[in-house]
Amino acid sequence: MAMSRAGEPQVLEGEWECMDCGYIEEGSSNRRPKACPECNSSGEAFEFFEYEEVDDLDDDDLYDDDDDDDDSWDDDTDDEVDGDDWDA
C-alpha cells in the first residue's frame, strides 16, 4: 500500500471483490467489508482492486473504427424529402 507524505497509508478508491463468490462492492482501501452479503464469507475473503487512472486518450482510442459492418451512419440520401427542397 502506498504511503502518504505524512507516513500514513494512502487511502485508495476501488472495488472489494469476494474471492469466494465474486461479489463486488465499491469502496476505499481502508474499509474492508465485514462479511459478504451474497455468500456470508468473512471480510477476509475480500481482495481490494484499485481503480486504474485513465490516461488522456484521443477519441480515436475510444472507438473501434475497424468494424465497418454497421452502415447506419453512411446514409446516402439526398437533401430533398418527398420532392421538397430543404431550402424552400
PDB file of N, CA and C in Angstrom:
ATOM      1  N   MET A   1       0.846  -1.173   0.000  1.00  0.00           N
ATOM      2  CA  MET A   1       0.000   0.000   0.000  1.00  0.00           C
ATOM      3  C   MET A   1       0.892   1.237   0.000  1.00  0.00           C
ATOM      4  N   ALA A   2       0.561   2.221  -0.815  1.00  0.00           N
ATOM      5  CA  ALA A   2       1.360   3.433  -0.920  1.00  0.00           C
ATOM      6  C   ALA A   2       1.237   4.261   0.353  1.00  0.00           C
ATOM      7  N   MET A   3       2.304   4.988   0.653  1.00  0.00           N
ATOM      8  CA  MET A   3       2.313   5.837   1.845  1.00  0.00           C
ATOM      9  C   MET A   3       2.125   7.287   1.441  1.00  0.00           C
ATOM     10  N   SER A   4       1.398   8.040   2.263  1.00  0.00           N
ATOM     11  CA  SER A   4       1.226   9.461   2.003  1.00  0.00           C
ATOM     12  C   SER A   4       2.435  10.211   2.539  1.00  0.00           C
ATOM     13  N   ARG A   5       2.462  11.511   2.348  1.00  0.00           N
ATOM     14  CA  ARG A   5       3.608  12.320   2.774  1.00  0.00           C
ATOM     15  C   ARG A   5       3.820  12.284   4.275  1.00  0.00           C
ATOM     16  N   ALA A   6       2.758  12.173   5.033  1.00  0.00           N
ATOM     17  CA  ALA A   6       2.878  12.177   6.491  1.00  0.00           C
ATOM     18  C   ALA A   6       3.235  10.796   7.040  1.00  0.00           C
ATOM     19  N   GLY A   7       3.450   9.825   6.167  1.00  0.00           N
ATOM     20  CA  GLY A   7       3.810   8.493   6.610  1.00  0.00           C
ATOM     21  C   GLY A   7       2.610   7.611   6.901  1.00  0.00           C
ATOM     22  N   GLU A   8       1.406   8.136   6.684  1.00  0.00           N
ATOM     23  CA  GLU A   8       0.197   7.357   6.886  1.00  0.00           C
ATOM     24  C   GLU A   8      -0.161   6.633   5.592  1.00  0.00           C
ATOM     25  N   PRO A   9      -0.812   5.495   5.688  1.00  0.00           N
ATOM     26  CA  PRO A   9      -1.215   4.794   4.464  1.00  0.00           C
ATOM     27  C   PRO A   9      -2.146   5.657   3.617  1.00  0.00           C
ATOM     28  N   GLN A  10      -1.917   5.631   2.313  1.00  0.00           N
ATOM     29  CA  GLN A  10      -2.750   6.391   1.386  1.00  0.00           C
ATOM     30  C   GLN A  10      -4.057   5.630   1.166  1.00  0.00           C
ATOM     31  N   VAL A  11      -5.179   6.344   1.235  1.00  0.00           N
ATOM     32  CA  VAL A  11      -6.483   5.728   1.012  1.00  0.00           C
ATOM     33  C   VAL A  11      -6.763   5.751  -0.481  1.00  0.00           C
ATOM     34  N   LEU A  12      -7.025   4.579  -1.051  1.00  0.00           N
ATOM     35  CA  LEU A  12      -7.265   4.432  -2.478  1.00  0.00           C
ATOM     36  C   LEU A  12      -8.726   4.093  -2.723  1.00  0.00           C
ATOM     37  N   GLU A  13      -9.255   4.515  -3.855  1.00  0.00           N
ATOM     38  CA  GLU A  13     -10.617   4.166  -4.258  1.00  0.00           C
ATOM     39  C   GLU A  13     -10.555   2.974  -5.198  1.00  0.00           C
ATOM     40  N   GLY A  14     -11.510   2.064  -5.053  1.00  0.00           N
ATOM     41  CA  GLY A  14     -11.530   0.893  -5.907  1.00  0.00           C
ATOM     42  C   GLY A  14     -12.692  -0.013  -5.579  1.00  0.00           C
ATOM     43  N   GLU A  15     -12.464  -1.303  -5.752  1.00  0.00           N
ATOM     44  CA  GLU A  15     -13.507  -2.295  -5.520  1.00  0.00           C
ATOM     45  C   GLU A  15     -12.968  -3.420  -4.657  1.00  0.00           C
ATOM     46  N   TRP A  16     -13.821  -3.889  -3.756  1.00  0.00           N
ATOM     47  CA  TRP A  16     -13.532  -5.077  -2.971  1.00  0.00           C
ATOM     48  C   TRP A  16     -14.264  -6.239  -3.630  1.00  0.00           C
ATOM     49  N   GLU A  17     -13.552  -7.321  -3.925  1.00  0.00           N
ATOM     50  CA  GLU A  17     -14.173  -8.485  -4.542  1.00  0.00           C
ATOM     51  C   GLU A  17     -14.072  -9.684  -3.609  1.00  0.00           C
ATOM     52  N   CYS A  18     -15.212 -10.335  -3.421  1.00  0.00           N
ATOM     53  CA  CYS A  18     -15.230 -11.567  -2.634  1.00  0.00           C
ATOM     54  C   CYS A  18     -14.620 -12.674  -3.477  1.00  0.00           C
ATOM     55  N   MET A  19     -13.567 -13.279  -2.992  1.00  0.00           N
ATOM     56  CA  MET A  19     -12.881 -14.324  -3.740  1.00  0.00           C
ATOM     57  C   MET A  19     -13.618 -15.656  -3.674  1.00  0.00           C
ATOM     58  N   ASP A  20     -14.644 -15.741  -2.836  1.00  0.00           N
ATOM     59  CA  ASP A  20     -15.428 -16.980  -2.758  1.00  0.00           C
ATOM     60  C   ASP A  20     -16.559 -17.007  -3.780  1.00  0.00           C
ATOM     61  N   CYS A  21     -17.265 -15.857  -3.965  1.00  0.00           N
ATOM     62  CA  CYS A  21     -18.432 -15.886  -4.853  1.00  0.00           C
ATOM     63  C   CYS A  21     -18.376 -14.851  -5.982  1.00  0.00           C
ATOM     64  N   GLY A  22     -17.443 -13.903  -5.919  1.00  0.00           N
ATOM     65  CA  GLY A  22     -17.314 -12.909  -6.977  1.00  0.00           C
ATOM     66  C   GLY A  22     -18.083 -11.621  -6.742  1.00  0.00           C
ATOM     67  N   TYR A  23     -18.763 -11.498  -5.607  1.00  0.00           N
ATOM     68  CA  TYR A  23     -19.492 -10.267  -5.287  1.00  0.00           C
ATOM     69  C   TYR A  23     -18.519  -9.098  -5.272  1.00  0.00           C
ATOM     70  N   ILE A  24     -18.932  -7.953  -5.843  1.00  0.00           N
ATOM     71  CA  ILE A  24     -18.077  -6.766  -5.901  1.00  0.00           C
ATOM     72  C   ILE A  24     -18.769  -5.608  -5.204  1.00  0.00           C
ATOM     73  N   GLU A  25     -18.014  -4.913  -4.377  1.00  0.00           N
ATOM     74  CA  GLU A  25     -18.514  -3.748  -3.659  1.00  0.00           C
ATOM     75  C   GLU A  25     -17.522  -2.605  -3.828  1.00  0.00           C
ATOM     76  N   GLU A  26     -18.019  -1.447  -4.254  1.00  0.00           N
ATOM     77  CA  GLU A  26     -17.152  -0.280  -4.381  1.00  0.00           C
ATOM     78  C   GLU A  26     -16.803   0.233  -2.997  1.00  0.00           C
ATOM     79  N   GLY A  27     -15.595   0.792  -2.878  1.00  0.00           N
ATOM     80  CA  GLY A  27     -15.212   1.317  -1.581  1.00  0.00           C
ATOM     81  C   GLY A  27     -13.799   1.839  -1.562  1.00  0.00           C
ATOM     82  N   SER A  28     -13.306   2.050  -0.351  1.00  0.00           N
ATOM     83  CA  SER A  28     -11.963   2.570  -0.121  1.00  0.00           C
ATOM     84  C   SER A  28     -11.071   1.469   0.416  1.00  0.00           C
ATOM     85  N   SER A  29      -9.780   1.629   0.173  1.00  0.00           N
ATOM     86  CA  SER A  29      -8.822   0.604   0.588  1.00  0.00           C
ATOM     87  C   SER A  29      -8.755   0.430   2.097  1.00  0.00           C
ATOM     88  N   ASN A  30      -9.177   1.433   2.843  1.00  0.00           N
ATOM     89  CA  ASN A  30      -9.086   1.357   4.302  1.00  0.00           C
ATOM     90  C   ASN A  30     -10.379   0.839   4.944  1.00  0.00           C
ATOM     91  N   ARG A  31     -11.364   0.409   4.148  1.00  0.00           N
ATOM     92  CA  ARG A  31     -12.647  -0.048   4.702  1.00  0.00           C
ATOM     93  C   ARG A  31     -13.052  -1.394   4.108  1.00  0.00           C
ATOM     94  N   ARG A  32     -12.428  -2.442   4.577  1.00  0.00           N
ATOM     95  CA  ARG A  32     -12.743  -3.805   4.122  1.00  0.00           C
ATOM     96  C   ARG A  32     -14.152  -4.177   4.607  1.00  0.00           C
ATOM     97  N   PRO A  33     -14.965  -4.775   3.735  1.00  0.00           N
ATOM     98  CA  PRO A  33     -16.288  -5.241   4.172  1.00  0.00           C
ATOM     99  C   PRO A  33     -16.144  -6.275   5.294  1.00  0.00           C
ATOM    100  N   LYS A  34     -17.098  -6.273   6.226  1.00  0.00           N
ATOM    101  CA  LYS A  34     -17.042  -7.207   7.353  1.00  0.00           C
ATOM    102  C   LYS A  34     -17.441  -8.618   6.943  1.00  0.00           C
ATOM    103  N   ALA A  35     -18.387  -8.709   6.004  1.00  0.00           N
ATOM    104  CA  ALA A  35     -18.850 -10.009   5.517  1.00  0.00           C
ATOM    105  C   ALA A  35     -19.473  -9.809   4.142  1.00  0.00           C
ATOM    106  N   CYS A  36     -19.526 -10.865   3.377  1.00  0.00           N
ATOM    107  CA  CYS A  36     -20.124 -10.817   2.045  1.00  0.00           C
ATOM    108  C   CYS A  36     -21.644 -10.966   2.160  1.00  0.00           C
ATOM    109  N   PRO A  37     -22.406 -10.019   1.597  1.00  0.00           N
ATOM    110  CA  PRO A  37     -23.863 -10.136   1.669  1.00  0.00           C
ATOM    111  C   PRO A  37     -24.427 -11.243   0.770  1.00  0.00           C
ATOM    112  N   GLU A  38     -23.634 -11.753  -0.161  1.00  0.00           N
ATOM    113  CA  GLU A  38     -24.097 -12.799  -1.069  1.00  0.00           C
ATOM    114  C   GLU A  38     -23.872 -14.201  -0.503  1.00  0.00           C
ATOM    115  N   CYS A  39     -22.656 -14.470  -0.024  1.00  0.00           N
ATOM    116  CA  CYS A  39     -22.332 -15.841   0.401  1.00  0.00           C
ATOM    117  C   CYS A  39     -21.990 -15.950   1.892  1.00  0.00           C
ATOM    118  N   ASN A  40     -22.042 -14.824   2.609  1.00  0.00           N
ATOM    119  CA  ASN A  40     -21.777 -14.772   4.052  1.00  0.00           C
ATOM    120  C   ASN A  40     -20.344 -15.110   4.441  1.00  0.00           C
ATOM    121  N   SER A  41     -19.396 -15.058   3.493  1.00  0.00           N
ATOM    122  CA  SER A  41     -17.985 -15.255   3.840  1.00  0.00           C
ATOM    123  C   SER A  41     -17.519 -14.086   4.700  1.00  0.00           C
ATOM    124  N   SER A  42     -16.485 -14.318   5.474  1.00  0.00           N
ATOM    125  CA  SER A  42     -15.956 -13.256   6.321  1.00  0.00           C
ATOM    126  C   SER A  42     -15.252 -12.208   5.461  1.00  0.00           C
ATOM    127  N   GLY A  43     -14.955 -11.072   6.040  1.00  0.00           N
ATOM    128  CA  GLY A  43     -14.266  -9.997   5.349  1.00  0.00           C
ATOM    129  C   GLY A  43     -12.898 -10.396   4.825  1.00  0.00           C
ATOM    130  N   GLU A  44     -12.319 -11.429   5.397  1.00  0.00           N
ATOM    131  CA  GLU A  44     -11.010 -11.908   4.949  1.00  0.00           C
ATOM    132  C   GLU A  44     -11.057 -12.472   3.529  1.00  0.00           C
ATOM    133  N   ALA A  45     -12.245 -12.796   3.038  1.00  0.00           N
ATOM    134  CA  ALA A  45     -12.388 -13.345   1.691  1.00  0.00           C
ATOM    135  C   ALA A  45     -12.315 -12.253   0.625  1.00  0.00           C
ATOM    136  N   PHE A  46     -12.328 -10.974   1.032  1.00  0.00           N
ATOM    137  CA  PHE A  46     -12.312  -9.871   0.080  1.00  0.00           C
ATOM    138  C   PHE A  46     -10.896  -9.447  -0.272  1.00  0.00           C
ATOM    139  N   GLU A  47     -10.708  -9.158  -1.553  1.00  0.00           N
ATOM    140  CA  GLU A  47      -9.450  -8.619  -2.058  1.00  0.00           C
ATOM    141  C   GLU A  47      -9.748  -7.265  -2.690  1.00  0.00           C
ATOM    142  N   PHE A  48      -8.851  -6.297  -2.452  1.00  0.00           N
ATOM    143  CA  PHE A  48      -9.059  -4.938  -2.948  1.00  0.00           C
ATOM    144  C   PHE A  48      -8.367  -4.746  -4.294  1.00  0.00           C
ATOM    145  N   PHE A  49      -9.094  -4.110  -5.232  1.00  0.00           N
ATOM    146  CA  PHE A  49      -8.554  -3.772  -6.545  1.00  0.00           C
ATOM    147  C   PHE A  49      -8.708  -2.274  -6.749  1.00  0.00           C
ATOM    148  N   GLU A  50      -7.585  -1.591  -6.875  1.00  0.00           N
ATOM    149  CA  GLU A  50      -7.576  -0.141  -7.056  1.00  0.00           C
ATOM    150  C   GLU A  50      -8.053   0.218  -8.458  1.00  0.00           C
ATOM    151  N   TYR A  51      -8.824   1.318  -8.555  1.00  0.00           N
ATOM    152  CA  TYR A  51      -9.215   1.826  -9.866  1.00  0.00           C
ATOM    153  C   TYR A  51      -7.967   2.309 -10.583  1.00  0.00           C
ATOM    154  N   GLU A  52      -7.880   2.001 -11.873  1.00  0.00           N
ATOM    155  CA  GLU A  52      -6.753   2.471 -12.673  1.00  0.00           C
ATOM    156  C   GLU A  52      -7.013   3.899 -13.119  1.00  0.00           C
ATOM    157  N   GLU A  53      -5.953   4.692 -13.179  1.00  0.00           N
ATOM    158  CA  GLU A  53      -6.082   6.036 -13.693  1.00  0.00           C
ATOM    159  C   GLU A  53      -6.254   5.985 -15.198  1.00  0.00           C
ATOM    160  N   VAL A  54      -7.110   6.837 -15.712  1.00  0.00           N
ATOM    161  CA  VAL A  54      -7.360   6.884 -17.143  1.00  0.00           C
ATOM    162  C   VAL A  54      -6.440   7.934 -17.741  1.00  0.00           C
ATOM    163  N   ASP A  55      -5.615   7.505 -18.702  1.00  0.00           N
ATOM    164  CA  ASP A  55      -4.740   8.441 -19.396  1.00  0.00           C
ATOM    165  C   ASP A  55      -5.571   9.270 -20.352  1.00  0.00           C
ATOM    166  N   ASP A  56      -5.039  10.405 -20.750  1.00  0.00           N
ATOM    167  CA  ASP A  56      -5.710  11.215 -21.758  1.00  0.00           C
ATOM    168  C   ASP A  56      -5.671  10.449 -23.066  1.00  0.00           C
ATOM    169  N   LEU A  57      -6.838  10.076 -23.559  1.00  0.00           N
ATOM    170  CA  LEU A  57      -6.938   9.312 -24.786  1.00  0.00           C
ATOM    171  C   LEU A  57      -7.542  10.182 -25.873  1.00  0.00           C
ATOM    172  N   ASP A  58      -7.133   9.936 -27.094  1.00  0.00           N
ATOM    173  CA  ASP A  58      -7.771  10.569 -28.228  1.00  0.00           C
ATOM    174  C   ASP A  58      -9.118   9.893 -28.435  1.00  0.00           C
ATOM    175  N   ASP A  59     -10.041  10.597 -29.097  1.00  0.00           N
ATOM    176  CA  ASP A  59     -11.326   9.988 -29.405  1.00  0.00           C
ATOM    177  C   ASP A  59     -11.148   8.734 -30.234  1.00  0.00           C
ATOM    178  N   ASP A  60     -10.104   8.695 -31.066  1.00  0.00           N
ATOM    179  CA  ASP A  60      -9.853   7.520 -31.891  1.00  0.00           C
ATOM    180  C   ASP A  60      -9.541   6.290 -31.050  1.00  0.00           C
ATOM    181  N   ASP A  61      -8.954   6.500 -29.861  1.00  0.00           N
ATOM    182  CA  ASP A  61      -8.628   5.385 -28.986  1.00  0.00           C
ATOM    183  C   ASP A  61      -9.867   4.825 -28.296  1.00  0.00           C
ATOM    184  N   LEU A  62     -10.949   5.608 -28.221  1.00  0.00           N
ATOM    185  CA  LEU A  62     -12.147   5.184 -27.519  1.00  0.00           C
ATOM    186  C   LEU A  62     -13.083   4.358 -28.387  1.00  0.00           C
ATOM    187  N   TYR A  63     -12.972   4.493 -29.691  1.00  0.00           N
ATOM    188  CA  TYR A  63     -13.890   3.826 -30.596  1.00  0.00           C
ATOM    189  C   TYR A  63     -13.128   2.926 -31.553  1.00  0.00           C
ATOM    190  N   ASP A  64     -13.699   1.781 -31.844  1.00  0.00           N
ATOM    191  CA  ASP A  64     -13.093   0.829 -32.767  1.00  0.00           C
ATOM    192  C   ASP A  64     -13.623   1.108 -34.165  1.00  0.00           C
ATOM    193  N   ASP A  65     -12.802   1.708 -35.004  1.00  0.00           N
ATOM    194  CA  ASP A  65     -13.213   2.049 -36.361  1.00  0.00           C
ATOM    195  C   ASP A  65     -12.960   0.912 -37.341  1.00  0.00           C
ATOM    196  N   ASP A  66     -12.412  -0.201 -36.885  1.00  0.00           N
ATOM    197  CA  ASP A  66     -12.084  -1.308 -37.779  1.00  0.00           C
ATOM    198  C   ASP A  66     -13.319  -2.059 -38.245  1.00  0.00           C
ATOM    199  N   ASP A  67     -14.409  -1.975 -37.491  1.00  0.00           N
ATOM    200  CA  ASP A  67     -15.614  -2.730 -37.822  1.00  0.00           C
ATOM    201  C   ASP A  67     -16.551  -1.856 -38.642  1.00  0.00           C
ATOM    202  N   ASP A  68     -16.485  -1.994 -39.972  1.00  0.00           N
ATOM    203  CA  ASP A  68     -17.290  -1.174 -40.865  1.00  0.00           C
ATOM    204  C   ASP A  68     -18.574  -1.878 -41.286  1.00  0.00           C
ATOM    205  N   ASP A  69     -19.010  -2.899 -40.543  1.00  0.00           N
ATOM    206  CA  ASP A  69     -20.219  -3.633 -40.905  1.00  0.00           C
ATOM    207  C   ASP A  69     -21.482  -2.814 -40.691  1.00  0.00           C
ATOM    208  N   ASP A  70     -21.453  -1.843 -39.786  1.00  0.00           N
ATOM    209  CA  ASP A  70     -22.630  -1.035 -39.498  1.00  0.00           C
ATOM    210  C   ASP A  70     -22.649   0.170 -40.424  1.00  0.00           C
ATOM    211  N   ASP A  71     -23.548   0.152 -41.385  1.00  0.00           N
ATOM    212  CA  ASP A  71     -23.643   1.233 -42.354  1.00  0.00           C
ATOM    213  C   ASP A  71     -24.740   2.226 -42.000  1.00  0.00           C
ATOM    214  N   SER A  72     -25.236   2.204 -40.766  1.00  0.00           N
ATOM    215  CA  SER A  72     -26.359   3.064 -40.408  1.00  0.00           C
ATOM    216  C   SER A  72     -25.998   4.545 -40.476  1.00  0.00           C
ATOM    217  N   TRP A  73     -24.743   4.905 -40.346  1.00  0.00           N
ATOM    218  CA  TRP A  73     -24.335   6.309 -40.402  1.00  0.00           C
ATOM    219  C   TRP A  73     -23.945   6.721 -41.819  1.00  0.00           C
ATOM    220  N   ASP A  74     -23.862   5.782 -42.735  1.00  0.00           N
ATOM    221  CA  ASP A  74     -23.478   6.073 -44.109  1.00  0.00           C
ATOM    222  C   ASP A  74     -24.714   6.180 -44.989  1.00  0.00           C
ATOM    223  N   ASP A  75     -25.636   7.026 -44.602  1.00  0.00           N
ATOM    224  CA  ASP A  75     -26.889   7.191 -45.338  1.00  0.00           C
ATOM    225  C   ASP A  75     -26.654   8.112 -46.517  1.00  0.00           C
ATOM    226  N   ASP A  76     -26.870   7.614 -47.716  1.00  0.00           N
ATOM    227  CA  ASP A  76     -26.613   8.369 -48.936  1.00  0.00           C
ATOM    228  C   ASP A  76     -27.869   9.061 -49.457  1.00  0.00           C
ATOM    229  N   THR A  77     -28.761   9.486 -48.573  1.00  0.00           N
ATOM    230  CA  THR A  77     -29.983  10.148 -49.017  1.00  0.00           C
ATOM    231  C   THR A  77     -29.675  11.568 -49.453  1.00  0.00           C
ATOM    232  N   ASP A  78     -30.511  12.085 -50.346  1.00  0.00           N
ATOM    233  CA  ASP A  78     -30.360  13.455 -50.830  1.00  0.00           C
ATOM    234  C   ASP A  78     -30.911  14.428 -49.794  1.00  0.00           C
ATOM    235  N   ASP A  79     -30.690  15.705 -50.046  1.00  0.00           N
ATOM    236  CA  ASP A  79     -31.197  16.743 -49.164  1.00  0.00           C
ATOM    237  C   ASP A  79     -32.661  17.044 -49.417  1.00  0.00           C
ATOM    238  N   GLU A  80     -33.295  16.293 -50.271  1.00  0.00           N
ATOM    239  CA  GLU A  80     -34.705  16.511 -50.566  1.00  0.00           C
ATOM    240  C   GLU A  80     -35.533  15.403 -49.940  1.00  0.00           C
ATOM    241  N   VAL A  81     -36.701  15.764 -49.443  1.00  0.00           N
ATOM    242  CA  VAL A  81     -37.610  14.810 -48.859  1.00  0.00           C
ATOM    243  C   VAL A  81     -38.928  14.922 -49.605  1.00  0.00           C
ATOM    244  N   ASP A  82     -39.387  13.834 -50.175  1.00  0.00           N
ATOM    245  CA  ASP A  82     -40.644  13.798 -50.943  1.00  0.00           C
ATOM    246  C   ASP A  82     -40.694  14.905 -51.982  1.00  0.00           C
ATOM    247  N   GLY A  83     -39.572  15.236 -52.616  1.00  0.00           N
ATOM    248  CA  GLY A  83     -39.535  16.238 -53.652  1.00  0.00           C
ATOM    249  C   GLY A  83     -39.459  17.665 -53.129  1.00  0.00           C
ATOM    250  N   ASP A  84     -39.560  17.844 -51.797  1.00  0.00           N
ATOM    251  CA  ASP A  84     -39.449  19.183 -51.227  1.00  0.00           C
ATOM    252  C   ASP A  84     -37.997  19.519 -50.969  1.00  0.00           C
ATOM    253  N   ASP A  85     -37.605  20.722 -51.278  1.00  0.00           N
ATOM    254  CA  ASP A  85     -36.232  21.171 -51.047  1.00  0.00           C
ATOM    255  C   ASP A  85     -36.145  21.714 -49.619  1.00  0.00           C
ATOM    256  N   TRP A  86     -35.102  21.372 -48.907  1.00  0.00           N
ATOM    257  CA  TRP A  86     -34.928  21.842 -47.529  1.00  0.00           C
ATOM    258  C   TRP A  86     -34.774  23.358 -47.480  1.00  0.00           C
ATOM    259  N   ASP A  87     -34.266  23.965 -48.515  1.00  0.00           N
ATOM    260  CA  ASP A  87     -34.034  25.412 -48.526  1.00  0.00           C
ATOM    261  C   ASP A  87     -35.292  26.219 -48.852  1.00  0.00           C
ATOM    262  N   ALA A  88     -36.393  25.575 -49.116  1.00  0.00           N
ATOM    263  CA  ALA A  88     -37.594  26.284 -49.556  1.00  0.00           C
ATOM    264  C   ALA A  88     -38.228  27.080 -48.453  1.00  0.00           C
TER     265      ALA A  88
END
